[in-house]
Amino acid sequence: MDLKIIAANDILANVIHSNYRVLVVLDRMGIKLGFDNKTIEQITRENNINTGAFLIILNIFCNNNYIPDVGKNFEFIPDFLRYLKSSHHYFLNEKIPAIQQNIHKLVYHLHDSRTDLVESFYNKYIEEVTEHMDYENETVFPYIEDIYDVFLKKSTISSPMAEYDISIYGEHHDDIEDVLKDLKNILIRHLPQKEQGKTRRIVLQQLFELESDLYSHTRIEDEVLIPLVKELENDLRPLISMT
């Protein structure tokens, strides 16, 4: 991965040439290609995206060693949520089903009872990741949107914080990546290759890509969004009526 810190004055096209995976971020943020030699700051302004939030997402996505410093920039929250929601849609409706289809193809070609375990294992993973992301979509993200709305209005109103706070989410934010490592190990170490290997290679490449993507996704939640929302909760408590 590119270790250079991406900055606002960087030419976005050059950043893509350095790390093509940036294309995934652009797609999730609704940025269309064909932006000539414009800088990141120019492009984010044109697309009504907060430049600071976008840079944090890009740097986390491109650099595992990057340490984000979000401070109390609460205005970053809408774009973090936008990215995470779009990522959920991509995982659940594109990437995970595509892998499932190739795993089914692999099982069909191998005619080995042990490969059925691979499919069963992955189907169980789909259930777990779907439950995890549904909880975020239906409970966590709406809660964050509600308290951000309180922040924007700067008024004393009844708050969702009376029944929920972000620490509840933090305590139950399970790592959904471990099962992917187990599945990769089954395909690499424990299931003898009797087929030509093309489908297995494709499945493994897809699993590695998904694992990397989920790792960056989780970092944005754990290292950026949760701490930022905690700061927001602390700042809002004097304004909020819990009754």
Protein backbone atom coordinates (compact mmCIF):
# COMPACT_ATOMS: atom_id res chain seq x y z
CA MET A 1 0.00 0.00 0.00
CA ASP A 2 1.07 3.57 -0.64
CA LEU A 3 2.63 5.01 2.53
CA LYS A 4 2.53 8.63 1.34
CA ILE A 5 -0.02 10.75 3.17
CA ILE A 6 -2.57 11.98 0.63
CA ALA A 7 -3.13 15.73 0.83
CA ALA A 8 -5.79 18.18 -0.37
CA ASN A 9 -3.54 19.65 -3.07
CA ASP A 10 -2.71 16.26 -4.61
CA ILE A 11 -3.94 15.64 -8.15
CA LEU A 12 -6.61 12.96 -7.73
CA ALA A 13 -5.75 11.27 -11.05
CA ASN A 14 -2.17 10.80 -9.81
CA VAL A 15 -3.44 9.30 -6.56
CA ILE A 16 -5.42 6.74 -8.57
CA HIS A 17 -2.30 5.83 -10.57
CA SER A 18 -0.46 5.27 -7.27
CA ASN A 19 -3.25 3.11 -5.85
CA TYR A 20 -6.03 1.99 -8.15
CA ARG A 21 -8.12 0.83 -5.17
CA VAL A 22 -8.98 4.51 -4.64
CA LEU A 23 -11.53 3.97 -7.41
CA VAL A 24 -13.69 2.11 -4.91
CA VAL A 25 -13.76 5.13 -2.60
CA LEU A 26 -14.68 7.46 -5.45
CA ASP A 27 -17.56 5.23 -6.46
CA ARG A 28 -18.92 5.11 -2.90
CA MET A 29 -18.74 8.88 -2.57
CA GLY A 30 -20.42 9.51 -5.92
CA ILE A 31 -17.37 11.06 -7.60
CA LYS A 32 -17.36 10.47 -11.35
CA LEU A 33 -14.23 10.06 -13.43
CA GLY A 34 -13.14 12.59 -16.05
CA PHE A 35 -11.89 15.27 -13.68
CA ASP A 36 -8.76 16.21 -15.66
CA ASN A 37 -5.90 17.44 -13.41
CA LYS A 38 -7.99 18.80 -10.59
CA THR A 39 -6.84 18.50 -7.00
CA ILE A 40 -8.68 16.56 -4.33
CA GLU A 41 -9.83 19.81 -2.74
CA GLN A 42 -11.28 21.07 -6.04
CA ILE A 43 -13.11 17.81 -6.69
CA THR A 44 -14.55 17.45 -3.21
CA ARG A 45 -15.86 21.02 -3.29
CA GLU A 46 -17.52 20.38 -6.64
CA ASN A 47 -19.18 17.27 -5.21
CA ASN A 48 -20.26 18.84 -1.89
CA ILE A 49 -17.98 16.54 0.09
CA ASN A 50 -16.02 17.68 3.13
CA THR A 51 -12.37 17.63 2.07
CA GLY A 52 -11.07 16.73 5.54
CA ALA A 53 -13.44 13.77 5.88
CA PHE A 54 -12.60 12.55 2.39
CA LEU A 55 -8.85 12.71 3.06
CA ILE A 56 -9.24 10.65 6.24
CA ILE A 57 -11.20 8.00 4.34
CA LEU A 58 -8.65 7.92 1.51
CA ASN A 59 -5.64 7.69 3.81
CA ILE A 60 -7.15 4.94 5.94
CA PHE A 61 -8.08 3.03 2.80
CA CYS A 62 -4.60 3.39 1.29
CA ASN A 63 -2.33 3.16 4.33
CA ASN A 64 -2.67 0.69 7.20
CA ASN A 65 -0.14 2.74 9.20
CA TYR A 66 -2.02 6.00 8.88
CA ILE A 67 -3.22 7.39 12.21
CA PRO A 68 -6.28 9.60 11.75
CA ASP A 69 -6.73 12.74 13.84
CA VAL A 70 -10.33 13.86 13.58
CA GLY A 71 -10.46 16.07 16.68
CA LYS A 72 -13.90 17.59 17.13
CA ASN A 73 -14.65 18.04 13.45
CA PHE A 74 -18.27 17.00 13.81
CA GLU A 75 -19.01 18.29 10.31
CA PHE A 76 -17.13 15.21 9.03
CA ILE A 77 -19.88 12.90 10.31
CA PRO A 78 -22.30 13.07 7.33
CA ASP A 79 -19.60 12.07 4.85
CA PHE A 80 -18.31 9.26 7.07
CA LEU A 81 -21.86 7.92 7.25
CA ARG A 82 -22.30 8.33 3.51
CA TYR A 83 -19.17 6.28 2.86
CA LEU A 84 -20.07 3.55 5.36
CA LYS A 85 -23.64 3.18 4.10
CA SER A 86 -22.45 2.95 0.51
CA SER A 87 -19.86 0.37 1.56
CA HIS A 88 -22.56 -1.73 3.20
CA HIS A 89 -24.57 -1.69 -0.02
CA TYR A 90 -21.49 -2.76 -1.98
CA PHE A 91 -20.62 -5.59 0.43
CA LEU A 92 -24.14 -6.99 0.72
CA ASN A 93 -25.32 -6.55 -2.87
CA GLU A 94 -22.18 -6.89 -4.97
CA LYS A 95 -19.00 -8.30 -3.44
CA ILE A 96 -20.37 -10.95 -1.08
CA PRO A 97 -22.87 -12.41 -3.60
CA ALA A 98 -20.15 -12.50 -6.30
CA ILE A 99 -17.91 -14.54 -3.99
CA GLN A 100 -20.82 -16.81 -3.08
CA GLN A 101 -21.44 -17.52 -6.76
CA ASN A 102 -17.81 -18.49 -7.34
CA ILE A 103 -17.70 -20.66 -4.23
CA HIS A 104 -20.77 -22.50 -5.50
CA LYS A 105 -18.98 -22.99 -8.83
CA LEU A 106 -15.90 -24.32 -7.02
CA VAL A 107 -17.98 -26.82 -5.04
CA TYR A 108 -19.68 -28.00 -8.23
CA HIS A 109 -16.37 -28.66 -10.01
CA LEU A 110 -14.60 -30.40 -7.13
CA HIS A 111 -17.21 -33.03 -6.30
CA ASP A 112 -15.66 -33.36 -2.84
CA SER A 113 -17.75 -33.54 0.31
CA ARG A 114 -15.28 -31.29 2.12
CA THR A 115 -15.98 -28.45 -0.27
CA ASP A 116 -19.57 -28.45 0.96
CA LEU A 117 -18.14 -27.22 4.26
CA VAL A 118 -16.60 -24.26 2.44
CA GLU A 119 -19.97 -23.24 1.03
CA SER A 120 -21.71 -23.82 4.36
CA PHE A 121 -19.00 -21.83 6.15
CA TYR A 122 -19.37 -18.89 3.77
CA ASN A 123 -23.16 -18.95 3.93
CA LYS A 124 -22.91 -18.71 7.72
CA TYR A 125 -20.59 -15.76 7.29
CA ILE A 126 -23.13 -14.05 5.05
CA GLU A 127 -25.73 -14.39 7.80
CA GLU A 128 -23.37 -12.88 10.39
CA VAL A 129 -22.19 -9.97 8.27
CA THR A 130 -25.73 -9.19 7.13
CA GLU A 131 -26.95 -9.11 10.74
CA HIS A 132 -24.00 -6.90 11.71
CA MET A 133 -24.55 -4.38 8.92
CA ASP A 134 -28.33 -4.39 9.33
CA TYR A 135 -27.83 -3.41 12.97
CA GLU A 136 -25.59 -0.54 11.92
CA ASN A 137 -27.98 0.59 9.18
CA GLU A 138 -31.12 0.36 11.30
CA THR A 139 -29.89 1.37 14.77
CA VAL A 140 -26.41 2.90 14.89
CA PHE A 141 -26.44 5.18 11.85
CA PRO A 142 -29.94 6.61 12.50
CA TYR A 143 -28.89 7.33 16.09
CA ILE A 144 -25.80 9.21 14.89
CA GLU A 145 -27.90 11.16 12.40
CA ASP A 146 -30.34 12.10 15.16
CA ILE A 147 -27.73 13.47 17.53
CA TYR A 148 -25.95 15.24 14.67
CA ASP A 149 -29.28 16.94 13.97
CA VAL A 150 -29.38 18.05 17.61
CA PHE A 151 -25.86 19.46 17.13
CA LEU A 152 -26.93 21.43 14.06
CA LYS A 153 -29.99 22.91 15.77
CA LYS A 154 -28.09 23.78 18.96
CA SER A 155 -31.31 23.54 20.91
CA THR A 156 -32.46 21.77 24.06
CA ILE A 157 -34.68 18.92 22.94
CA SER A 158 -35.53 15.39 23.95
CA SER A 159 -32.63 13.27 22.78
CA PRO A 160 -32.08 9.73 21.48
CA MET A 161 -29.21 9.66 24.01
CA ALA A 162 -31.84 8.95 26.66
CA GLU A 163 -32.08 5.35 25.40
CA TYR A 164 -28.82 4.77 23.54
CA ASP A 165 -25.25 5.93 23.28
CA ILE A 166 -22.37 5.04 21.02
CA SER A 167 -20.53 3.06 23.72
CA ILE A 168 -23.22 0.37 23.41
CA TYR A 169 -22.23 -0.03 19.78
CA GLY A 170 -18.53 -0.01 20.63
CA GLU A 171 -18.94 -2.83 23.15
CA HIS A 172 -20.75 -5.03 20.64
CA HIS A 173 -18.73 -4.16 17.57
CA ASP A 174 -17.53 -7.67 16.81
CA ASP A 175 -14.77 -8.34 14.33
CA ILE A 176 -16.42 -9.85 11.26
CA GLU A 177 -13.15 -10.39 9.44
CA ASP A 178 -11.81 -13.43 11.33
CA VAL A 179 -14.05 -15.89 9.53
CA LEU A 180 -12.57 -14.78 6.19
CA LYS A 181 -9.09 -15.72 7.41
CA ASP A 182 -10.37 -19.16 8.39
CA LEU A 183 -12.00 -19.64 5.02
CA LYS A 184 -8.82 -18.61 3.19
CA ASN A 185 -6.84 -21.11 5.24
CA ILE A 186 -9.23 -23.91 4.30
CA LEU A 187 -8.73 -23.16 0.62
CA ILE A 188 -4.96 -22.65 0.90
CA ARG A 189 -3.88 -25.23 3.49
CA HIS A 190 -6.51 -27.90 4.03
CA LEU A 191 -8.37 -28.60 0.79
CA PRO A 192 -6.16 -30.42 -1.75
CA GLN A 193 -6.31 -28.89 -5.20
CA LYS A 194 -7.73 -31.44 -7.63
CA GLU A 195 -9.11 -28.93 -10.10
CA GLN A 196 -7.11 -26.67 -12.44
CA GLY A 197 -7.35 -23.92 -9.85
CA LYS A 198 -8.72 -20.94 -11.77
CA THR A 199 -11.95 -20.69 -9.79
CA ARG A 200 -10.15 -21.23 -6.49
CA ARG A 201 -7.66 -18.49 -7.37
CA ILE A 202 -10.51 -16.13 -8.20
CA VAL A 203 -12.26 -16.93 -4.91
CA LEU A 204 -9.08 -16.39 -2.92
CA GLN A 205 -8.38 -13.07 -4.66
CA GLN A 206 -11.92 -11.95 -3.91
CA LEU A 207 -11.60 -12.99 -0.26
CA PHE A 208 -8.32 -11.10 0.14
CA GLU A 209 -9.90 -8.00 -1.44
CA LEU A 210 -12.96 -8.25 0.79
CA GLU A 211 -10.82 -8.74 3.89
CA SER A 212 -8.72 -5.67 3.08
CA ASP A 213 -11.80 -3.58 2.32
CA LEU A 214 -13.51 -4.65 5.54
CA TYR A 215 -10.37 -3.87 7.53
CA SER A 216 -10.36 -0.27 6.28
CA HIS A 217 -14.12 -0.08 6.83
CA THR A 218 -13.76 -1.20 10.43
CA ARG A 219 -10.93 1.26 11.05
CA ILE A 220 -13.14 4.15 9.91
CA GLU A 221 -15.80 3.01 12.36
CA ASP A 222 -13.50 2.24 15.32
CA GLU A 223 -10.79 4.88 14.98
CA VAL A 224 -12.80 7.76 13.56
CA LEU A 225 -16.57 7.56 13.80
CA ILE A 226 -17.01 6.10 17.30
CA PRO A 227 -14.50 8.47 18.99
CA LEU A 228 -15.98 11.45 17.12
CA VAL A 229 -19.54 10.55 18.15
CA LYS A 230 -18.40 10.13 21.76
CA GLU A 231 -17.02 13.68 21.66
CA LEU A 232 -20.29 14.88 20.17
CA GLU A 233 -22.30 13.17 22.90
CA ASN A 234 -20.17 14.81 25.58
CA ASP A 235 -20.62 18.25 24.02
CA LEU A 236 -24.38 17.80 23.68
CA ARG A 237 -25.20 16.59 27.19
CA PRO A 238 -25.61 20.12 28.64
CA LEU A 239 -28.09 20.95 25.87
CA ILE A 240 -30.20 17.85 26.17
CA SER A 241 -33.30 17.08 28.18
CA MET A 242 -33.42 13.38 28.94
CA THR A 243 -37.10 13.48 29.78
